[in-house]
Amino acid sequence: MADAGSTGRSREDALATVRLLLDALEAQSGARYAIFAGERGIDGVLDVGDAWVIVWNDAEHVATGDPRRALIDAGPYLVAKHGDDVAMLLPTLPVDDGAARWRATRRR
């Protein structure tokens, strides 16, 4: 992670953080997960200003688009550029709305 004097967590750092989370989920579930990287026009890393949003799903769904393999209850991960916050956004909300909710909880 970036130190306090730098510009914040990089895209690569955010990807590595989420990959570690997905690796832990894989170890528990036996399933395979992947981060989108342009498949079917889906950019897997979104810059929302103060955070990165990482879009992931079942690895077979990411590779093939098979809707039967899609995880419907797993939202994208939000990784703060500054600080240690990592949150899973609700899958039912647009990314901007999910990021706004995360920001609101940080202000409390």
PDB file of N, CA and C in Angstrom:
ATOM      1  N   MET A   1       0.843  -1.176   0.000  1.00  0.00           N
ATOM      2  CA  MET A   1       0.000   0.000   0.000  1.00  0.00           C
ATOM      3  C   MET A   1       0.883   1.232   0.000  1.00  0.00           C
ATOM      4  N   ALA A   2       0.351   2.332  -0.487  1.00  0.00           N
ATOM      5  CA  ALA A   2       1.096   3.575  -0.578  1.00  0.00           C
ATOM      6  C   ALA A   2       1.316   4.163   0.808  1.00  0.00           C
ATOM      7  N   ASP A   3       2.446   4.889   0.973  1.00  0.00           N
ATOM      8  CA  ASP A   3       2.659   5.520   2.266  1.00  0.00           C
ATOM      9  C   ASP A   3       1.903   6.834   2.346  1.00  0.00           C
ATOM     10  N   ALA A   4       1.872   7.421   3.543  1.00  0.00           N
ATOM     11  CA  ALA A   4       1.035   8.597   3.797  1.00  0.00           C
ATOM     12  C   ALA A   4       1.430   9.792   2.943  1.00  0.00           C
ATOM     13  N   GLY A   5       2.692   9.873   2.509  1.00  0.00           N
ATOM     14  CA  GLY A   5       3.122  11.021   1.742  1.00  0.00           C
ATOM     15  C   GLY A   5       2.911  10.887   0.245  1.00  0.00           C
ATOM     16  N   SER A   6       2.391   9.767  -0.198  1.00  0.00           N
ATOM     17  CA  SER A   6       2.241   9.540  -1.632  1.00  0.00           C
ATOM     18  C   SER A   6       0.848   9.931  -2.110  1.00  0.00           C
ATOM     19  N   THR A   7       0.595   9.649  -3.370  1.00  0.00           N
ATOM     20  CA  THR A   7      -0.680  10.026  -3.974  1.00  0.00           C
ATOM     21  C   THR A   7      -1.799   9.056  -3.653  1.00  0.00           C
ATOM     22  N   GLY A   8      -1.521   7.992  -2.941  1.00  0.00           N
ATOM     23  CA  GLY A   8      -2.570   7.048  -2.573  1.00  0.00           C
ATOM     24  C   GLY A   8      -2.355   5.683  -3.183  1.00  0.00           C
ATOM     25  N   ARG A   9      -3.297   4.824  -2.906  1.00  0.00           N
ATOM     26  CA  ARG A   9      -3.214   3.439  -3.379  1.00  0.00           C
ATOM     27  C   ARG A   9      -3.371   3.412  -4.893  1.00  0.00           C
ATOM     28  N   SER A  10      -2.490   2.699  -5.540  1.00  0.00           N
ATOM     29  CA  SER A  10      -2.520   2.619  -7.001  1.00  0.00           C
ATOM     30  C   SER A  10      -3.551   1.600  -7.469  1.00  0.00           C
ATOM     31  N   ARG A  11      -3.828   1.653  -8.748  1.00  0.00           N
ATOM     32  CA  ARG A  11      -4.717   0.677  -9.386  1.00  0.00           C
ATOM     33  C   ARG A  11      -4.195  -0.736  -9.146  1.00  0.00           C
ATOM     34  N   GLU A  12      -2.892  -0.915  -9.305  1.00  0.00           N
ATOM     35  CA  GLU A  12      -2.277  -2.228  -9.123  1.00  0.00           C
ATOM     36  C   GLU A  12      -2.392  -2.702  -7.684  1.00  0.00           C
ATOM     37  N   ASP A  13      -2.222  -1.783  -6.724  1.00  0.00           N
ATOM     38  CA  ASP A  13      -2.387  -2.143  -5.312  1.00  0.00           C
ATOM     39  C   ASP A  13      -3.823  -2.577  -5.027  1.00  0.00           C
ATOM     40  N   ALA A  14      -4.781  -1.861  -5.594  1.00  0.00           N
ATOM     41  CA  ALA A  14      -6.192  -2.213  -5.393  1.00  0.00           C
ATOM     42  C   ALA A  14      -6.491  -3.586  -5.986  1.00  0.00           C
ATOM     43  N   LEU A  15      -5.983  -3.848  -7.177  1.00  0.00           N
ATOM     44  CA  LEU A  15      -6.171  -5.165  -7.792  1.00  0.00           C
ATOM     45  C   LEU A  15      -5.558  -6.269  -6.933  1.00  0.00           C
ATOM     46  N   ALA A  16      -4.366  -6.036  -6.409  1.00  0.00           N
ATOM     47  CA  ALA A  16      -3.707  -7.041  -5.572  1.00  0.00           C
ATOM     48  C   ALA A  16      -4.493  -7.288  -4.288  1.00  0.00           C
ATOM     49  N   THR A  17      -5.041  -6.235  -3.703  1.00  0.00           N
ATOM     50  CA  THR A  17      -5.854  -6.371  -2.491  1.00  0.00           C
ATOM     51  C   THR A  17      -7.070  -7.240  -2.752  1.00  0.00           C
ATOM     52  N   VAL A  18      -7.769  -6.962  -3.843  1.00  0.00           N
ATOM     53  CA  VAL A  18      -8.973  -7.741  -4.161  1.00  0.00           C
ATOM     54  C   VAL A  18      -8.601  -9.165  -4.543  1.00  0.00           C
ATOM     55  N   ARG A  19      -7.494  -9.345  -5.238  1.00  0.00           N
ATOM     56  CA  ARG A  19      -7.089 -10.711  -5.590  1.00  0.00           C
ATOM     57  C   ARG A  19      -6.852 -11.540  -4.328  1.00  0.00           C
ATOM     58  N   LEU A  20      -6.259 -10.935  -3.293  1.00  0.00           N
ATOM     59  CA  LEU A  20      -6.064 -11.644  -2.023  1.00  0.00           C
ATOM     60  C   LEU A  20      -7.401 -12.039  -1.405  1.00  0.00           C
ATOM     61  N   LEU A  21      -8.372 -11.138  -1.454  1.00  0.00           N
ATOM     62  CA  LEU A  21      -9.710 -11.449  -0.929  1.00  0.00           C
ATOM     63  C   LEU A  21     -10.346 -12.589  -1.715  1.00  0.00           C
ATOM     64  N   LEU A  22     -10.233 -12.530  -3.036  1.00  0.00           N
ATOM     65  CA  LEU A  22     -10.816 -13.586  -3.867  1.00  0.00           C
ATOM     66  C   LEU A  22     -10.107 -14.919  -3.646  1.00  0.00           C
ATOM     67  N   ASP A  23      -8.790 -14.880  -3.445  1.00  0.00           N
ATOM     68  CA  ASP A  23      -8.054 -16.114  -3.150  1.00  0.00           C
ATOM     69  C   ASP A  23      -8.572 -16.751  -1.864  1.00  0.00           C
ATOM     70  N   ALA A  24      -8.842 -15.926  -0.847  1.00  0.00           N
ATOM     71  CA  ALA A  24      -9.369 -16.450   0.419  1.00  0.00           C
ATOM     72  C   ALA A  24     -10.760 -17.042   0.216  1.00  0.00           C
ATOM     73  N   LEU A  25     -11.592 -16.370  -0.579  1.00  0.00           N
ATOM     74  CA  LEU A  25     -12.927 -16.907  -0.873  1.00  0.00           C
ATOM     75  C   LEU A  25     -12.829 -18.231  -1.624  1.00  0.00           C
ATOM     76  N   GLU A  26     -11.904 -18.303  -2.562  1.00  0.00           N
ATOM     77  CA  GLU A  26     -11.710 -19.547  -3.315  1.00  0.00           C
ATOM     78  C   GLU A  26     -11.300 -20.690  -2.389  1.00  0.00           C
ATOM     79  N   ALA A  27     -10.416 -20.396  -1.449  1.00  0.00           N
ATOM     80  CA  ALA A  27      -9.954 -21.429  -0.518  1.00  0.00           C
ATOM     81  C   ALA A  27     -11.105 -21.956   0.336  1.00  0.00           C
ATOM     82  N   GLN A  28     -12.035 -21.073   0.698  1.00  0.00           N
ATOM     83  CA  GLN A  28     -13.180 -21.475   1.517  1.00  0.00           C
ATOM     84  C   GLN A  28     -14.234 -22.214   0.713  1.00  0.00           C
ATOM     85  N   SER A  29     -14.477 -21.761  -0.500  1.00  0.00           N
ATOM     86  CA  SER A  29     -15.625 -22.264  -1.266  1.00  0.00           C
ATOM     87  C   SER A  29     -15.272 -23.346  -2.286  1.00  0.00           C
ATOM     88  N   GLY A  30     -14.028 -23.366  -2.721  1.00  0.00           N
ATOM     89  CA  GLY A  30     -13.649 -24.280  -3.789  1.00  0.00           C
ATOM     90  C   GLY A  30     -14.008 -23.761  -5.174  1.00  0.00           C
ATOM     91  N   ALA A  31     -14.657 -22.623  -5.237  1.00  0.00           N
ATOM     92  CA  ALA A  31     -15.016 -22.003  -6.517  1.00  0.00           C
ATOM     93  C   ALA A  31     -13.828 -21.185  -7.028  1.00  0.00           C
ATOM     94  N   ARG A  32     -13.926 -20.736  -8.278  1.00  0.00           N
ATOM     95  CA  ARG A  32     -12.896 -19.867  -8.851  1.00  0.00           C
ATOM     96  C   ARG A  32     -13.527 -18.533  -9.200  1.00  0.00           C
ATOM     97  N   TYR A  33     -12.835 -17.452  -8.885  1.00  0.00           N
ATOM     98  CA  TYR A  33     -13.336 -16.106  -9.146  1.00  0.00           C
ATOM     99  C   TYR A  33     -12.327 -15.346  -9.998  1.00  0.00           C
ATOM    100  N   ALA A  34     -12.834 -14.415 -10.793  1.00  0.00           N
ATOM    101  CA  ALA A  34     -11.967 -13.624 -11.666  1.00  0.00           C
ATOM    102  C   ALA A  34     -12.427 -12.178 -11.678  1.00  0.00           C
ATOM    103  N   ILE A  35     -11.489 -11.309 -11.938  1.00  0.00           N
ATOM    104  CA  ILE A  35     -11.760  -9.880 -12.100  1.00  0.00           C
ATOM    105  C   ILE A  35     -11.932  -9.620 -13.587  1.00  0.00           C
ATOM    106  N   PHE A  36     -12.980  -8.897 -13.932  1.00  0.00           N
ATOM    107  CA  PHE A  36     -13.197  -8.561 -15.340  1.00  0.00           C
ATOM    108  C   PHE A  36     -12.022  -7.740 -15.859  1.00  0.00           C
ATOM    109  N   ALA A  37     -11.642  -7.997 -17.105  1.00  0.00           N
ATOM    110  CA  ALA A  37     -10.546  -7.272 -17.752  1.00  0.00           C
ATOM    111  C   ALA A  37     -10.917  -6.983 -19.201  1.00  0.00           C
ATOM    112  N   GLY A  38     -12.117  -6.443 -19.398  1.00  0.00           N
ATOM    113  CA  GLY A  38     -12.562  -6.079 -20.731  1.00  0.00           C
ATOM    114  C   GLY A  38     -13.489  -7.073 -21.392  1.00  0.00           C
ATOM    115  N   GLU A  39     -13.724  -8.219 -20.763  1.00  0.00           N
ATOM    116  CA  GLU A  39     -14.636  -9.204 -21.343  1.00  0.00           C
ATOM    117  C   GLU A  39     -16.006  -8.571 -21.542  1.00  0.00           C
ATOM    118  N   ARG A  40     -16.551  -8.771 -22.747  1.00  0.00           N
ATOM    119  CA  ARG A  40     -17.867  -8.242 -23.123  1.00  0.00           C
ATOM    120  C   ARG A  40     -18.007  -6.751 -22.800  1.00  0.00           C
ATOM    121  N   GLY A  41     -16.899  -6.029 -22.906  1.00  0.00           N
ATOM    122  CA  GLY A  41     -16.926  -4.587 -22.695  1.00  0.00           C
ATOM    123  C   GLY A  41     -16.977  -4.156 -21.244  1.00  0.00           C
ATOM    124  N   ILE A  42     -16.771  -5.076 -20.313  1.00  0.00           N
ATOM    125  CA  ILE A  42     -16.828  -4.735 -18.885  1.00  0.00           C
ATOM    126  C   ILE A  42     -15.423  -4.431 -18.388  1.00  0.00           C
ATOM    127  N   ASP A  43     -15.220  -3.181 -17.984  1.00  0.00           N
ATOM    128  CA  ASP A  43     -13.946  -2.783 -17.397  1.00  0.00           C
ATOM    129  C   ASP A  43     -13.970  -3.202 -15.937  1.00  0.00           C
ATOM    130  N   GLY A  44     -13.013  -4.003 -15.524  1.00  0.00           N
ATOM    131  CA  GLY A  44     -13.003  -4.528 -14.167  1.00  0.00           C
ATOM    132  C   GLY A  44     -12.465  -3.588 -13.121  1.00  0.00           C
ATOM    133  N   VAL A  45     -11.879  -2.460 -13.528  1.00  0.00           N
ATOM    134  CA  VAL A  45     -11.331  -1.506 -12.572  1.00  0.00           C
ATOM    135  C   VAL A  45     -11.872  -0.124 -12.914  1.00  0.00           C
ATOM    136  N   LEU A  46     -12.625   0.427 -11.984  1.00  0.00           N
ATOM    137  CA  LEU A  46     -13.230   1.736 -12.185  1.00  0.00           C
ATOM    138  C   LEU A  46     -12.643   2.725 -11.191  1.00  0.00           C
ATOM    139  N   ASP A  47     -12.276   3.901 -11.666  1.00  0.00           N
ATOM    140  CA  ASP A  47     -11.762   4.969 -10.813  1.00  0.00           C
ATOM    141  C   ASP A  47     -12.933   5.875 -10.456  1.00  0.00           C
ATOM    142  N   VAL A  48     -13.306   5.898  -9.174  1.00  0.00           N
ATOM    143  CA  VAL A  48     -14.427   6.740  -8.738  1.00  0.00           C
ATOM    144  C   VAL A  48     -13.926   7.931  -7.922  1.00  0.00           C
ATOM    145  N   GLY A  49     -12.701   8.350  -8.197  1.00  0.00           N
ATOM    146  CA  GLY A  49     -12.142   9.525  -7.541  1.00  0.00           C
ATOM    147  C   GLY A  49     -11.320   9.178  -6.315  1.00  0.00           C
ATOM    148  N   ASP A  50     -11.982   8.904  -5.215  1.00  0.00           N
ATOM    149  CA  ASP A  50     -11.301   8.614  -3.958  1.00  0.00           C
ATOM    150  C   ASP A  50     -11.153   7.120  -3.687  1.00  0.00           C
ATOM    151  N   ALA A  51     -11.543   6.311  -4.654  1.00  0.00           N
ATOM    152  CA  ALA A  51     -11.475   4.859  -4.486  1.00  0.00           C
ATOM    153  C   ALA A  51     -11.428   4.184  -5.848  1.00  0.00           C
ATOM    154  N   TRP A  52     -11.038   2.932  -5.812  1.00  0.00           N
ATOM    155  CA  TRP A  52     -11.106   2.056  -6.978  1.00  0.00           C
ATOM    156  C   TRP A  52     -12.252   1.089  -6.751  1.00  0.00           C
ATOM    157  N   VAL A  53     -12.992   0.777  -7.789  1.00  0.00           N
ATOM    158  CA  VAL A  53     -14.029  -0.245  -7.713  1.00  0.00           C
ATOM    159  C   VAL A  53     -13.594  -1.384  -8.629  1.00  0.00           C
ATOM    160  N   ILE A  54     -13.541  -2.582  -8.049  1.00  0.00           N
ATOM    161  CA  ILE A  54     -13.063  -3.762  -8.760  1.00  0.00           C
ATOM    162  C   ILE A  54     -14.246  -4.702  -8.989  1.00  0.00           C
ATOM    163  N   VAL A  55     -14.541  -4.984 -10.263  1.00  0.00           N
ATOM    164  CA  VAL A  55     -15.697  -5.800 -10.647  1.00  0.00           C
ATOM    165  C   VAL A  55     -15.228  -7.236 -10.884  1.00  0.00           C
ATOM    166  N   TRP A  56     -15.857  -8.165 -10.201  1.00  0.00           N
ATOM    167  CA  TRP A  56     -15.453  -9.569 -10.252  1.00  0.00           C
ATOM    168  C   TRP A  56     -16.684 -10.459 -10.310  1.00  0.00           C
ATOM    169  N   ASN A  57     -16.463 -11.752 -10.558  1.00  0.00           N
ATOM    170  CA  ASN A  57     -17.558 -12.714 -10.558  1.00  0.00           C
ATOM    171  C   ASN A  57     -16.960 -14.112 -10.658  1.00  0.00           C
ATOM    172  N   ASP A  58     -17.814 -15.101 -10.809  1.00  0.00           N
ATOM    173  CA  ASP A  58     -17.373 -16.471 -11.039  1.00  0.00           C
ATOM    174  C   ASP A  58     -16.468 -16.482 -12.277  1.00  0.00           C
ATOM    175  N   ALA A  59     -15.355 -17.196 -12.205  1.00  0.00           N
ATOM    176  CA  ALA A  59     -14.380 -17.185 -13.303  1.00  0.00           C
ATOM    177  C   ALA A  59     -14.974 -17.661 -14.620  1.00  0.00           C
ATOM    178  N   GLU A  60     -15.828 -18.672 -14.583  1.00  0.00           N
ATOM    179  CA  GLU A  60     -16.430 -19.159 -15.826  1.00  0.00           C
ATOM    180  C   GLU A  60     -17.376 -18.116 -16.414  1.00  0.00           C
ATOM    181  N   HIS A  61     -18.116 -17.433 -15.562  1.00  0.00           N
ATOM    182  CA  HIS A  61     -19.001 -16.373 -16.055  1.00  0.00           C
ATOM    183  C   HIS A  61     -18.183 -15.248 -16.697  1.00  0.00           C
ATOM    184  N   VAL A  62     -17.087 -14.855 -16.041  1.00  0.00           N
ATOM    185  CA  VAL A  62     -16.239 -13.800 -16.604  1.00  0.00           C
ATOM    186  C   VAL A  62     -15.718 -14.222 -17.972  1.00  0.00           C
ATOM    187  N   ALA A  63     -15.271 -15.465 -18.092  1.00  0.00           N
ATOM    188  CA  ALA A  63     -14.672 -15.942 -19.343  1.00  0.00           C
ATOM    189  C   ALA A  63     -15.689 -16.153 -20.453  1.00  0.00           C
ATOM    190  N   THR A  64     -16.879 -16.663 -20.112  1.00  0.00           N
ATOM    191  CA  THR A  64     -17.830 -17.079 -21.151  1.00  0.00           C
ATOM    192  C   THR A  64     -19.088 -16.231 -21.243  1.00  0.00           C
ATOM    193  N   GLY A  65     -19.416 -15.524 -20.171  1.00  0.00           N
ATOM    194  CA  GLY A  65     -20.669 -14.772 -20.148  1.00  0.00           C
ATOM    195  C   GLY A  65     -21.881 -15.625 -19.824  1.00  0.00           C
ATOM    196  N   ASP A  66     -21.673 -16.885 -19.477  1.00  0.00           N
ATOM    197  CA  ASP A  66     -22.783 -17.791 -19.163  1.00  0.00           C
ATOM    198  C   ASP A  66     -23.548 -17.258 -17.955  1.00  0.00           C
ATOM    199  N   PRO A  67     -24.798 -16.820 -18.151  1.00  0.00           N
ATOM    200  CA  PRO A  67     -25.553 -16.232 -17.044  1.00  0.00           C
ATOM    201  C   PRO A  67     -25.849 -17.229 -15.928  1.00  0.00           C
ATOM    202  N   ARG A  68     -25.819 -18.513 -16.243  1.00  0.00           N
ATOM    203  CA  ARG A  68     -26.067 -19.523 -15.204  1.00  0.00           C
ATOM    204  C   ARG A  68     -24.931 -19.580 -14.197  1.00  0.00           C
ATOM    205  N   ARG A  69     -23.764 -19.052 -14.575  1.00  0.00           N
ATOM    206  CA  ARG A  69     -22.601 -19.059 -13.678  1.00  0.00           C
ATOM    207  C   ARG A  69     -22.432 -17.750 -12.920  1.00  0.00           C
ATOM    208  N   ALA A  70     -23.243 -16.762 -13.226  1.00  0.00           N
ATOM    209  CA  ALA A  70     -23.096 -15.447 -12.597  1.00  0.00           C
ATOM    210  C   ALA A  70     -23.496 -15.501 -11.126  1.00  0.00           C
ATOM    211  N   LEU A  71     -22.707 -14.853 -10.299  1.00  0.00           N
ATOM    212  CA  LEU A  71     -23.050 -14.680  -8.893  1.00  0.00           C
ATOM    213  C   LEU A  71     -23.926 -13.444  -8.794  1.00  0.00           C
ATOM    214  N   ILE A  72     -25.140 -13.607  -8.309  1.00  0.00           N
ATOM    215  CA  ILE A  72     -26.056 -12.466  -8.285  1.00  0.00           C
ATOM    216  C   ILE A  72     -26.034 -11.715  -6.963  1.00  0.00           C
ATOM    217  N   ASP A  73     -25.390 -12.277  -5.953  1.00  0.00           N
ATOM    218  CA  ASP A  73     -25.404 -11.635  -4.641  1.00  0.00           C
ATOM    219  C   ASP A  73     -24.046 -11.076  -4.233  1.00  0.00           C
ATOM    220  N   ALA A  74     -23.132 -10.946  -5.163  1.00  0.00           N
ATOM    221  CA  ALA A  74     -21.795 -10.455  -4.858  1.00  0.00           C
ATOM    222  C   ALA A  74     -21.534  -9.172  -5.629  1.00  0.00           C
ATOM    223  N   GLY A  75     -21.424  -8.082  -4.906  1.00  0.00           N
ATOM    224  CA  GLY A  75     -21.169  -6.804  -5.547  1.00  0.00           C
ATOM    225  C   GLY A  75     -19.688  -6.569  -5.751  1.00  0.00           C
ATOM    226  N   PRO A  76     -19.348  -5.521  -6.465  1.00  0.00           N
ATOM    227  CA  PRO A  76     -17.940  -5.189  -6.674  1.00  0.00           C
ATOM    228  C   PRO A  76     -17.298  -4.721  -5.368  1.00  0.00           C
ATOM    229  N   TYR A  77     -15.988  -4.863  -5.296  1.00  0.00           N
ATOM    230  CA  TYR A  77     -15.244  -4.356  -4.144  1.00  0.00           C
ATOM    231  C   TYR A  77     -14.844  -2.913  -4.393  1.00  0.00           C
ATOM    232  N   LEU A  78     -14.949  -2.103  -3.354  1.00  0.00           N
ATOM    233  CA  LEU A  78     -14.455  -0.735  -3.366  1.00  0.00           C
ATOM    234  C   LEU A  78     -13.209  -0.711  -2.491  1.00  0.00           C
ATOM    235  N   VAL A  79     -12.117  -0.176  -3.020  1.00  0.00           N
ATOM    236  CA  VAL A  79     -10.849  -0.090  -2.302  1.00  0.00           C
ATOM    237  C   VAL A  79     -10.469   1.383  -2.239  1.00  0.00           C
ATOM    238  N   ALA A  80     -10.414   1.923  -1.022  1.00  0.00           N
ATOM    239  CA  ALA A  80     -10.088   3.338  -0.841  1.00  0.00           C
ATOM    240  C   ALA A  80      -8.675   3.627  -1.329  1.00  0.00           C
ATOM    241  N   LYS A  81      -8.502   4.789  -1.951  1.00  0.00           N
ATOM    242  CA  LYS A  81      -7.165   5.187  -2.385  1.00  0.00           C
ATOM    243  C   LYS A  81      -6.314   5.640  -1.206  1.00  0.00           C
ATOM    244  N   HIS A  82      -6.953   6.171  -0.176  1.00  0.00           N
ATOM    245  CA  HIS A  82      -6.255   6.623   1.034  1.00  0.00           C
ATOM    246  C   HIS A  82      -6.890   5.929   2.223  1.00  0.00           C
ATOM    247  N   GLY A  83      -6.086   5.316   3.047  1.00  0.00           N
ATOM    248  CA  GLY A  83      -6.607   4.563   4.179  1.00  0.00           C
ATOM    249  C   GLY A  83      -6.727   3.096   3.827  1.00  0.00           C
ATOM    250  N   ASP A  84      -7.321   2.356   4.748  1.00  0.00           N
ATOM    251  CA  ASP A  84      -7.383   0.902   4.607  1.00  0.00           C
ATOM    252  C   ASP A  84      -8.763   0.382   4.249  1.00  0.00           C
ATOM    253  N   ASP A  85      -9.711   1.245   3.943  1.00  0.00           N
ATOM    254  CA  ASP A  85     -11.081   0.800   3.676  1.00  0.00           C
ATOM    255  C   ASP A  85     -11.168  -0.098   2.450  1.00  0.00           C
ATOM    256  N   VAL A  86     -11.848  -1.221   2.644  1.00  0.00           N
ATOM    257  CA  VAL A  86     -12.240  -2.121   1.563  1.00  0.00           C
ATOM    258  C   VAL A  86     -13.667  -2.522   1.878  1.00  0.00           C
ATOM    259  N   ALA A  87     -14.556  -2.367   0.920  1.00  0.00           N
ATOM    260  CA  ALA A  87     -15.967  -2.684   1.152  1.00  0.00           C
ATOM    261  C   ALA A  87     -16.546  -3.361  -0.077  1.00  0.00           C
ATOM    262  N   MET A  88     -17.490  -4.260   0.159  1.00  0.00           N
ATOM    263  CA  MET A  88     -18.227  -4.833  -0.959  1.00  0.00           C
ATOM    264  C   MET A  88     -19.479  -3.985  -1.149  1.00  0.00           C
ATOM    265  N   LEU A  89     -19.633  -3.441  -2.342  1.00  0.00           N
ATOM    266  CA  LEU A  89     -20.810  -2.635  -2.651  1.00  0.00           C
ATOM    267  C   LEU A  89     -22.001  -3.544  -2.918  1.00  0.00           C
ATOM    268  N   LEU A  90     -23.186  -3.017  -2.682  1.00  0.00           N
ATOM    269  CA  LEU A  90     -24.395  -3.787  -2.970  1.00  0.00           C
ATOM    270  C   LEU A  90     -24.492  -4.054  -4.467  1.00  0.00           C
ATOM    271  N   PRO A  91     -24.779  -5.282  -4.863  1.00  0.00           N
ATOM    272  CA  PRO A  91     -24.863  -5.596  -6.290  1.00  0.00           C
ATOM    273  C   PRO A  91     -26.091  -5.000  -6.966  1.00  0.00           C
ATOM    274  N   THR A  92     -27.052  -4.539  -6.177  1.00  0.00           N
ATOM    275  CA  THR A  92     -28.291  -4.001  -6.738  1.00  0.00           C
ATOM    276  C   THR A  92     -28.224  -2.508  -7.006  1.00  0.00           C
ATOM    277  N   LEU A  93     -27.131  -1.864  -6.632  1.00  0.00           N
ATOM    278  CA  LEU A  93     -26.992  -0.423  -6.830  1.00  0.00           C
ATOM    279  C   LEU A  93     -26.001  -0.117  -7.944  1.00  0.00           C
ATOM    280  N   PRO A  94     -26.220   0.974  -8.675  1.00  0.00           N
ATOM    281  CA  PRO A  94     -25.181   1.440  -9.588  1.00  0.00           C
ATOM    282  C   PRO A  94     -23.908   1.762  -8.793  1.00  0.00           C
ATOM    283  N   VAL A  95     -22.756   1.623  -9.407  1.00  0.00           N
ATOM    284  CA  VAL A  95     -21.485   1.850  -8.728  1.00  0.00           C
ATOM    285  C   VAL A  95     -21.429   3.229  -8.086  1.00  0.00           C
ATOM    286  N   ASP A  96     -21.863   4.265  -8.784  1.00  0.00           N
ATOM    287  CA  ASP A  96     -21.806   5.614  -8.218  1.00  0.00           C
ATOM    288  C   ASP A  96     -22.630   5.728  -6.945  1.00  0.00           C
ATOM    289  N   ASP A  97     -23.790   5.084  -6.907  1.00  0.00           N
ATOM    290  CA  ASP A  97     -24.625   5.109  -5.706  1.00  0.00           C
ATOM    291  C   ASP A  97     -23.960   4.340  -4.568  1.00  0.00           C
ATOM    292  N   GLY A  98     -23.370   3.199  -4.885  1.00  0.00           N
ATOM    293  CA  GLY A  98     -22.668   2.426  -3.863  1.00  0.00           C
ATOM    294  C   GLY A  98     -21.489   3.197  -3.288  1.00  0.00           C
ATOM    295  N   ALA A  99     -20.736   3.870  -4.148  1.00  0.00           N
ATOM    296  CA  ALA A  99     -19.605   4.676  -3.684  1.00  0.00           C
ATOM    297  C   ALA A  99     -20.089   5.838  -2.823  1.00  0.00           C
ATOM    298  N   ALA A 100     -21.206   6.450  -3.194  1.00  0.00           N
ATOM    299  CA  ALA A 100     -21.764   7.549  -2.396  1.00  0.00           C
ATOM    300  C   ALA A 100     -22.168   7.057  -1.010  1.00  0.00           C
ATOM    301  N   ARG A 101     -22.757   5.877  -0.922  1.00  0.00           N
ATOM    302  CA  ARG A 101     -23.117   5.308   0.389  1.00  0.00           C
ATOM    303  C   ARG A 101     -21.871   5.047   1.224  1.00  0.00           C
ATOM    304  N   TRP A 102     -20.832   4.528   0.594  1.00  0.00           N
ATOM    305  CA  TRP A 102     -19.576   4.295   1.309  1.00  0.00           C
ATOM    306  C   TRP A 102     -19.029   5.614   1.846  1.00  0.00           C
ATOM    307  N   ARG A 103     -19.021   6.657   1.019  1.00  0.00           N
ATOM    308  CA  ARG A 103     -18.529   7.965   1.461  1.00  0.00           C
ATOM    309  C   ARG A 103     -19.336   8.481   2.647  1.00  0.00           C
ATOM    310  N   ALA A 104     -20.645   8.303   2.602  1.00  0.00           N
ATOM    311  CA  ALA A 104     -21.510   8.768   3.695  1.00  0.00           C
ATOM    312  C   ALA A 104     -21.170   8.051   5.003  1.00  0.00           C
ATOM    313  N   THR A 105     -20.849   6.770   4.944  1.00  0.00           N
ATOM    314  CA  THR A 105     -20.512   6.042   6.174  1.00  0.00           C
ATOM    315  C   THR A 105     -19.154   6.467   6.713  1.00  0.00           C
ATOM    316  N   ARG A 106     -18.260   6.909   5.876  1.00  0.00           N
ATOM    317  CA  ARG A 106     -16.939   7.371   6.331  1.00  0.00           C
ATOM    318  C   ARG A 106     -17.037   8.688   7.078  1.00  0.00           C
ATOM    319  N   ARG A 107     -18.040   9.483   6.785  1.00  0.00           N
ATOM    320  CA  ARG A 107     -18.176  10.806   7.410  1.00  0.00           C
ATOM    321  C   ARG A 107     -18.753  10.732   8.814  1.00  0.00           C
ATOM    322  N   ARG A 108     -19.312   9.605   9.184  1.00  0.00           N
ATOM    323  CA  ARG A 108     -19.947   9.485  10.510  1.00  0.00           C
ATOM    324  C   ARG A 108     -18.943   9.541  11.610  1.00  0.00           C
TER     325      ARG A 108
END
